[in-house]
N, C-alpha and C. Protein backbone atom coordinates (compact mmCIF):
# COMPACT_ATOMS: atom_id res chain seq x y z
N GLN A 1 44.07 -61.91 28.74
CA GLN A 1 44.84 -61.91 27.51
C GLN A 1 43.90 -61.72 26.33
N VAL A 2 44.35 -60.94 25.35
CA VAL A 2 43.53 -60.64 24.17
C VAL A 2 44.10 -61.40 22.98
N GLN A 3 43.22 -62.02 22.22
CA GLN A 3 43.63 -62.70 21.00
C GLN A 3 42.75 -62.27 19.85
N LEU A 4 43.36 -62.16 18.68
CA LEU A 4 42.63 -61.89 17.44
C LEU A 4 42.79 -63.12 16.57
N VAL A 5 41.67 -63.75 16.24
CA VAL A 5 41.71 -65.00 15.48
C VAL A 5 41.05 -64.76 14.13
N GLU A 6 41.85 -64.94 13.08
CA GLU A 6 41.39 -64.68 11.72
C GLU A 6 40.99 -65.98 11.03
N SER A 7 40.13 -65.85 10.03
CA SER A 7 39.76 -66.98 9.20
C SER A 7 39.27 -66.46 7.86
N GLY A 8 39.25 -67.34 6.86
CA GLY A 8 38.64 -67.00 5.60
C GLY A 8 39.59 -66.81 4.43
N GLY A 9 40.88 -66.89 4.64
CA GLY A 9 41.79 -66.75 3.52
C GLY A 9 41.78 -67.97 2.63
N GLY A 10 42.54 -67.89 1.53
CA GLY A 10 42.60 -69.03 0.63
C GLY A 10 43.03 -68.64 -0.76
N LEU A 11 42.83 -69.56 -1.68
CA LEU A 11 43.18 -69.37 -3.09
C LEU A 11 41.90 -69.12 -3.87
N VAL A 12 41.93 -68.08 -4.70
CA VAL A 12 40.76 -67.72 -5.50
C VAL A 12 41.23 -67.24 -6.86
N GLN A 13 40.42 -67.43 -7.86
CA GLN A 13 40.74 -66.96 -9.19
C GLN A 13 40.47 -65.47 -9.31
N PRO A 14 41.14 -64.80 -10.23
CA PRO A 14 40.86 -63.38 -10.46
C PRO A 14 39.37 -63.18 -10.75
N GLY A 15 38.82 -62.12 -10.14
CA GLY A 15 37.40 -61.85 -10.27
C GLY A 15 36.56 -62.51 -9.20
N GLY A 16 37.16 -63.38 -8.42
CA GLY A 16 36.43 -64.09 -7.38
C GLY A 16 36.30 -63.28 -6.10
N SER A 17 35.72 -63.91 -5.10
CA SER A 17 35.45 -63.24 -3.83
C SER A 17 35.92 -64.09 -2.66
N LEU A 18 36.27 -63.41 -1.58
CA LEU A 18 36.57 -64.05 -0.31
C LEU A 18 36.06 -63.15 0.81
N ARG A 19 35.76 -63.77 1.94
CA ARG A 19 35.36 -63.00 3.11
C ARG A 19 36.25 -63.39 4.28
N LEU A 20 36.94 -62.40 4.81
CA LEU A 20 37.78 -62.62 5.98
C LEU A 20 37.02 -62.24 7.24
N SER A 21 37.28 -62.99 8.30
CA SER A 21 36.69 -62.70 9.60
C SER A 21 37.79 -62.62 10.64
N CYS A 22 37.55 -61.81 11.66
CA CYS A 22 38.50 -61.70 12.76
C CYS A 22 37.72 -61.49 14.05
N ALA A 23 37.86 -62.41 14.96
CA ALA A 23 37.17 -62.34 16.24
C ALA A 23 38.16 -61.99 17.35
N VAL A 24 37.79 -61.03 18.16
CA VAL A 24 38.60 -60.61 19.30
C VAL A 24 38.09 -61.31 20.55
N SER A 25 38.96 -62.02 21.22
CA SER A 25 38.57 -62.71 22.45
C SER A 25 39.39 -62.17 23.62
N GLY A 26 38.85 -62.35 24.80
CA GLY A 26 39.53 -61.87 26.00
C GLY A 26 38.75 -60.75 26.65
N SER A 27 39.27 -60.27 27.75
CA SER A 27 38.61 -59.23 28.51
C SER A 27 38.90 -57.88 27.90
N VAL A 28 37.92 -57.33 27.20
CA VAL A 28 38.08 -56.06 26.49
C VAL A 28 36.96 -55.12 26.92
N PHE A 29 37.30 -53.87 27.24
CA PHE A 29 36.27 -52.90 27.61
C PHE A 29 35.62 -52.29 26.37
N ARG A 30 36.46 -51.88 25.43
CA ARG A 30 35.93 -51.27 24.21
C ARG A 30 36.95 -51.39 23.08
N ILE A 31 36.46 -51.81 21.92
CA ILE A 31 37.31 -51.86 20.74
C ILE A 31 37.06 -50.60 19.93
N GLU A 32 38.03 -49.75 19.88
CA GLU A 32 37.81 -48.43 19.27
C GLU A 32 37.94 -48.47 17.76
N THR A 33 38.94 -49.11 17.27
CA THR A 33 39.15 -49.22 15.82
C THR A 33 39.52 -50.65 15.47
N MET A 34 38.94 -51.13 14.40
CA MET A 34 39.31 -52.44 13.86
C MET A 34 39.68 -52.25 12.40
N GLY A 35 40.63 -53.03 11.96
CA GLY A 35 41.06 -52.85 10.59
C GLY A 35 41.76 -54.08 10.03
N TRP A 36 42.05 -53.98 8.75
CA TRP A 36 42.78 -55.03 8.04
C TRP A 36 43.99 -54.40 7.35
N TYR A 37 45.14 -55.02 7.54
CA TYR A 37 46.36 -54.66 6.84
C TYR A 37 46.74 -55.85 5.95
N ARG A 38 47.62 -55.59 5.01
CA ARG A 38 48.15 -56.69 4.21
C ARG A 38 49.63 -56.44 3.90
N GLN A 39 50.31 -57.54 3.69
CA GLN A 39 51.73 -57.46 3.34
C GLN A 39 52.04 -58.48 2.26
N ALA A 40 52.45 -57.96 1.12
CA ALA A 40 52.86 -58.81 0.00
C ALA A 40 54.36 -59.04 0.09
N PRO A 41 54.85 -60.11 -0.53
CA PRO A 41 56.29 -60.40 -0.49
C PRO A 41 57.12 -59.22 -1.00
N GLY A 42 58.10 -58.82 -0.22
CA GLY A 42 58.98 -57.75 -0.62
C GLY A 42 58.41 -56.36 -0.45
N LYS A 43 57.22 -56.26 0.12
CA LYS A 43 56.58 -54.96 0.30
C LYS A 43 56.31 -54.69 1.76
N GLU A 44 56.09 -53.43 2.07
CA GLU A 44 55.75 -53.06 3.44
C GLU A 44 54.27 -53.37 3.72
N ARG A 45 54.00 -53.53 5.00
CA ARG A 45 52.61 -53.75 5.40
C ARG A 45 51.83 -52.46 5.15
N GLU A 46 50.63 -52.61 4.59
CA GLU A 46 49.81 -51.44 4.30
C GLU A 46 48.41 -51.62 4.88
N LEU A 47 47.81 -50.49 5.24
CA LEU A 47 46.45 -50.49 5.73
C LEU A 47 45.49 -50.64 4.55
N VAL A 48 44.62 -51.61 4.62
CA VAL A 48 43.65 -51.86 3.56
C VAL A 48 42.33 -51.15 3.87
N ALA A 49 41.84 -51.36 5.08
CA ALA A 49 40.55 -50.79 5.46
C ALA A 49 40.47 -50.73 6.98
N SER A 50 39.74 -49.75 7.48
CA SER A 50 39.54 -49.65 8.92
C SER A 50 38.17 -49.07 9.21
N ILE A 51 37.71 -49.35 10.42
CA ILE A 51 36.41 -48.84 10.83
C ILE A 51 36.47 -48.56 12.32
N ALA A 52 36.17 -47.32 12.67
CA ALA A 52 36.19 -46.89 14.07
C ALA A 52 34.76 -46.81 14.60
N LEU A 53 34.63 -46.89 15.90
CA LEU A 53 33.31 -46.78 16.51
C LEU A 53 32.65 -45.47 16.10
N GLY A 54 31.43 -45.56 15.58
CA GLY A 54 30.68 -44.37 15.25
C GLY A 54 31.15 -43.62 14.02
N SER A 55 32.06 -44.24 13.26
CA SER A 55 32.60 -43.57 12.08
C SER A 55 32.37 -44.39 10.83
N ASN A 56 32.48 -43.73 9.70
CA ASN A 56 32.40 -44.44 8.42
C ASN A 56 33.70 -45.18 8.17
N PRO A 57 33.63 -46.27 7.45
CA PRO A 57 34.87 -46.99 7.14
C PRO A 57 35.73 -46.22 6.16
N SER A 58 37.00 -46.54 6.17
CA SER A 58 37.92 -45.94 5.21
C SER A 58 38.69 -47.05 4.51
N TYR A 59 39.13 -46.77 3.28
CA TYR A 59 39.78 -47.77 2.44
C TYR A 59 40.98 -47.17 1.73
N THR A 60 41.95 -47.99 1.46
CA THR A 60 43.01 -47.55 0.58
C THR A 60 42.45 -47.50 -0.84
N ASP A 61 43.00 -46.62 -1.66
CA ASP A 61 42.41 -46.36 -2.98
C ASP A 61 42.30 -47.61 -3.85
N SER A 62 43.26 -48.50 -3.74
CA SER A 62 43.29 -49.64 -4.66
C SER A 62 42.16 -50.64 -4.41
N VAL A 63 41.46 -50.56 -3.28
CA VAL A 63 40.40 -51.52 -2.99
C VAL A 63 39.02 -50.86 -2.94
N LYS A 64 38.97 -49.56 -3.10
CA LYS A 64 37.67 -48.88 -3.05
C LYS A 64 36.74 -49.41 -4.14
N GLY A 65 35.50 -49.68 -3.73
CA GLY A 65 34.52 -50.22 -4.67
C GLY A 65 34.56 -51.72 -4.80
N ARG A 66 35.58 -52.35 -4.23
CA ARG A 66 35.70 -53.81 -4.31
C ARG A 66 35.63 -54.48 -2.94
N PHE A 67 36.19 -53.84 -1.93
CA PHE A 67 36.24 -54.39 -0.57
C PHE A 67 35.26 -53.64 0.32
N THR A 68 34.69 -54.37 1.27
CA THR A 68 33.80 -53.76 2.26
C THR A 68 34.17 -54.27 3.64
N ILE A 69 34.44 -53.34 4.55
CA ILE A 69 34.73 -53.71 5.93
C ILE A 69 33.49 -53.47 6.77
N SER A 70 33.24 -54.37 7.70
CA SER A 70 32.10 -54.20 8.61
C SER A 70 32.48 -54.80 9.96
N ARG A 71 31.73 -54.42 10.99
CA ARG A 71 32.03 -54.95 12.31
C ARG A 71 30.74 -55.28 13.04
N ASP A 72 30.83 -56.29 13.88
CA ASP A 72 29.73 -56.69 14.75
C ASP A 72 30.20 -56.42 16.17
N ASN A 73 29.75 -55.31 16.74
CA ASN A 73 30.25 -54.91 18.05
C ASN A 73 29.82 -55.88 19.15
N ALA A 74 28.67 -56.49 18.98
CA ALA A 74 28.19 -57.44 19.99
C ALA A 74 29.08 -58.68 20.05
N GLU A 75 29.65 -59.03 18.90
CA GLU A 75 30.49 -60.22 18.81
C GLU A 75 31.98 -59.90 18.77
N ASN A 76 32.32 -58.61 18.84
CA ASN A 76 33.74 -58.19 18.76
C ASN A 76 34.42 -58.80 17.54
N THR A 77 33.74 -58.69 16.42
CA THR A 77 34.23 -59.30 15.18
C THR A 77 34.24 -58.27 14.06
N VAL A 78 35.26 -58.37 13.22
CA VAL A 78 35.35 -57.52 12.05
C VAL A 78 35.45 -58.42 10.82
N TYR A 79 34.86 -57.95 9.73
CA TYR A 79 34.83 -58.71 8.48
C TYR A 79 35.42 -57.86 7.36
N LEU A 80 35.94 -58.55 6.37
CA LEU A 80 36.38 -57.90 5.14
C LEU A 80 35.86 -58.72 3.97
N GLN A 81 34.86 -58.16 3.30
CA GLN A 81 34.32 -58.78 2.10
C GLN A 81 35.12 -58.28 0.91
N MET A 82 35.74 -59.20 0.20
CA MET A 82 36.61 -58.84 -0.92
C MET A 82 36.01 -59.40 -2.20
N ASN A 83 35.63 -58.50 -3.09
CA ASN A 83 35.04 -58.89 -4.38
C ASN A 83 35.95 -58.47 -5.52
N ASN A 84 35.71 -59.07 -6.67
CA ASN A 84 36.50 -58.75 -7.86
C ASN A 84 38.01 -58.74 -7.54
N LEU A 85 38.45 -59.80 -6.94
CA LEU A 85 39.85 -59.87 -6.52
C LEU A 85 40.80 -59.90 -7.70
N LYS A 86 41.95 -59.28 -7.50
CA LYS A 86 42.96 -59.17 -8.53
C LYS A 86 44.26 -59.83 -8.04
N PRO A 87 45.12 -60.25 -8.96
CA PRO A 87 46.39 -60.85 -8.53
C PRO A 87 47.19 -59.94 -7.59
N GLU A 88 47.08 -58.65 -7.77
CA GLU A 88 47.83 -57.72 -6.90
C GLU A 88 47.26 -57.65 -5.49
N ASP A 89 46.14 -58.29 -5.24
CA ASP A 89 45.60 -58.38 -3.88
C ASP A 89 46.25 -59.53 -3.10
N THR A 90 47.06 -60.32 -3.76
CA THR A 90 47.73 -61.43 -3.10
C THR A 90 48.65 -60.91 -1.99
N ALA A 91 48.44 -61.41 -0.78
CA ALA A 91 49.21 -60.96 0.37
C ALA A 91 48.78 -61.75 1.60
N VAL A 92 49.52 -61.57 2.66
CA VAL A 92 49.06 -62.02 3.97
C VAL A 92 48.25 -60.88 4.58
N TYR A 93 47.05 -61.18 4.99
CA TYR A 93 46.16 -60.17 5.56
C TYR A 93 46.15 -60.31 7.08
N TYR A 94 46.32 -59.17 7.74
CA TYR A 94 46.39 -59.14 9.20
C TYR A 94 45.24 -58.30 9.76
N CYS A 95 44.61 -58.86 10.76
CA CYS A 95 43.59 -58.12 11.49
C CYS A 95 44.27 -57.26 12.56
N HIS A 96 43.73 -56.09 12.80
CA HIS A 96 44.30 -55.16 13.78
C HIS A 96 43.18 -54.57 14.61
N ALA A 97 43.44 -54.42 15.89
CA ALA A 97 42.46 -53.78 16.76
C ALA A 97 43.17 -52.81 17.71
N TYR A 98 42.57 -51.66 17.88
CA TYR A 98 43.05 -50.68 18.86
C TYR A 98 41.95 -50.61 19.91
N LEU A 99 42.29 -51.03 21.13
CA LEU A 99 41.23 -51.23 22.09
C LEU A 99 41.62 -50.77 23.49
N LEU A 100 40.59 -50.66 24.32
CA LEU A 100 40.76 -50.26 25.70
C LEU A 100 40.55 -51.49 26.59
N ARG A 101 41.54 -51.79 27.39
CA ARG A 101 41.48 -52.97 28.25
C ARG A 101 42.16 -52.66 29.57
N LEU A 102 41.43 -52.89 30.65
CA LEU A 102 41.96 -52.65 32.00
C LEU A 102 42.52 -51.23 32.12
N GLY A 103 41.80 -50.29 31.49
CA GLY A 103 42.18 -48.88 31.60
C GLY A 103 43.33 -48.46 30.71
N VAL A 104 43.81 -49.36 29.86
CA VAL A 104 44.96 -49.06 29.01
C VAL A 104 44.57 -49.28 27.55
N ARG A 105 44.94 -48.31 26.72
CA ARG A 105 44.72 -48.47 25.27
C ARG A 105 45.96 -49.13 24.66
N GLY A 106 45.69 -50.03 23.72
CA GLY A 106 46.80 -50.70 23.05
C GLY A 106 46.35 -51.29 21.74
N GLN A 107 47.31 -51.69 20.94
CA GLN A 107 46.98 -52.30 19.66
C GLN A 107 47.38 -53.77 19.65
N TYR A 108 46.57 -54.53 18.95
CA TYR A 108 46.76 -55.98 18.89
C TYR A 108 46.65 -56.44 17.44
N TRP A 109 47.34 -57.54 17.15
CA TRP A 109 47.38 -58.08 15.79
C TRP A 109 46.96 -59.54 15.77
N GLY A 110 46.33 -59.93 14.65
CA GLY A 110 46.09 -61.33 14.40
C GLY A 110 47.34 -61.99 13.83
N GLN A 111 47.24 -63.29 13.63
CA GLN A 111 48.40 -64.06 13.18
C GLN A 111 48.60 -63.97 11.67
N GLY A 112 47.61 -63.49 10.95
CA GLY A 112 47.71 -63.36 9.51
C GLY A 112 47.05 -64.53 8.79
N THR A 113 46.46 -64.22 7.65
CA THR A 113 45.85 -65.26 6.82
C THR A 113 46.22 -64.98 5.36
N GLN A 114 46.62 -66.01 4.66
CA GLN A 114 47.10 -65.86 3.28
C GLN A 114 45.93 -65.76 2.31
N VAL A 115 46.00 -64.76 1.45
CA VAL A 115 45.07 -64.63 0.34
C VAL A 115 45.88 -64.68 -0.95
N THR A 116 45.55 -65.63 -1.81
CA THR A 116 46.25 -65.78 -3.07
C THR A 116 45.24 -65.70 -4.20
N VAL A 117 45.49 -64.77 -5.12
CA VAL A 117 44.61 -64.60 -6.28
C VAL A 117 45.39 -65.01 -7.52
N SER A 118 44.98 -66.11 -8.09
CA SER A 118 45.73 -66.65 -9.21
C SER A 118 44.85 -67.58 -10.03
N SER A 119 45.12 -67.61 -11.33
CA SER A 119 44.40 -68.53 -12.20
C SER A 119 45.18 -69.83 -12.37
C-alpha cells in the first residue's frame, strides 16, 4: 500500500514563509512525477508546482518567483518552499505522485494540509 504523508501547513502572516513536506511510503518502484495542488474554498483544485524525474520543475504563474519545489529521490520526499506568502495562497495543499508500482502506473494523493495566510 502506498501512502503520501504531508506536513508543514499552518497559519502565517502575509510576507511570511512555510515549507511543506510530503513523504511517500510503501513499495514503490519509481516515482515519476511529484507535485503540489491546492484548493481554496469555492474553487477548483489547481496544480501549483510539479517536478518530474530528470526534468526542470514547473509552476503556475501566480507562484513563480515565490515558491520552490524540490525532491529527494533517495527519501521519496517532495518539498514546497513557499516565500512571500499572500492571502490568496490560502488553501488546502495536496501532495500528488504519479508512480510505478508492481508494474502499474497510477496516481496517489495526500490527505491535504491547510495553509492560511492572514494578519
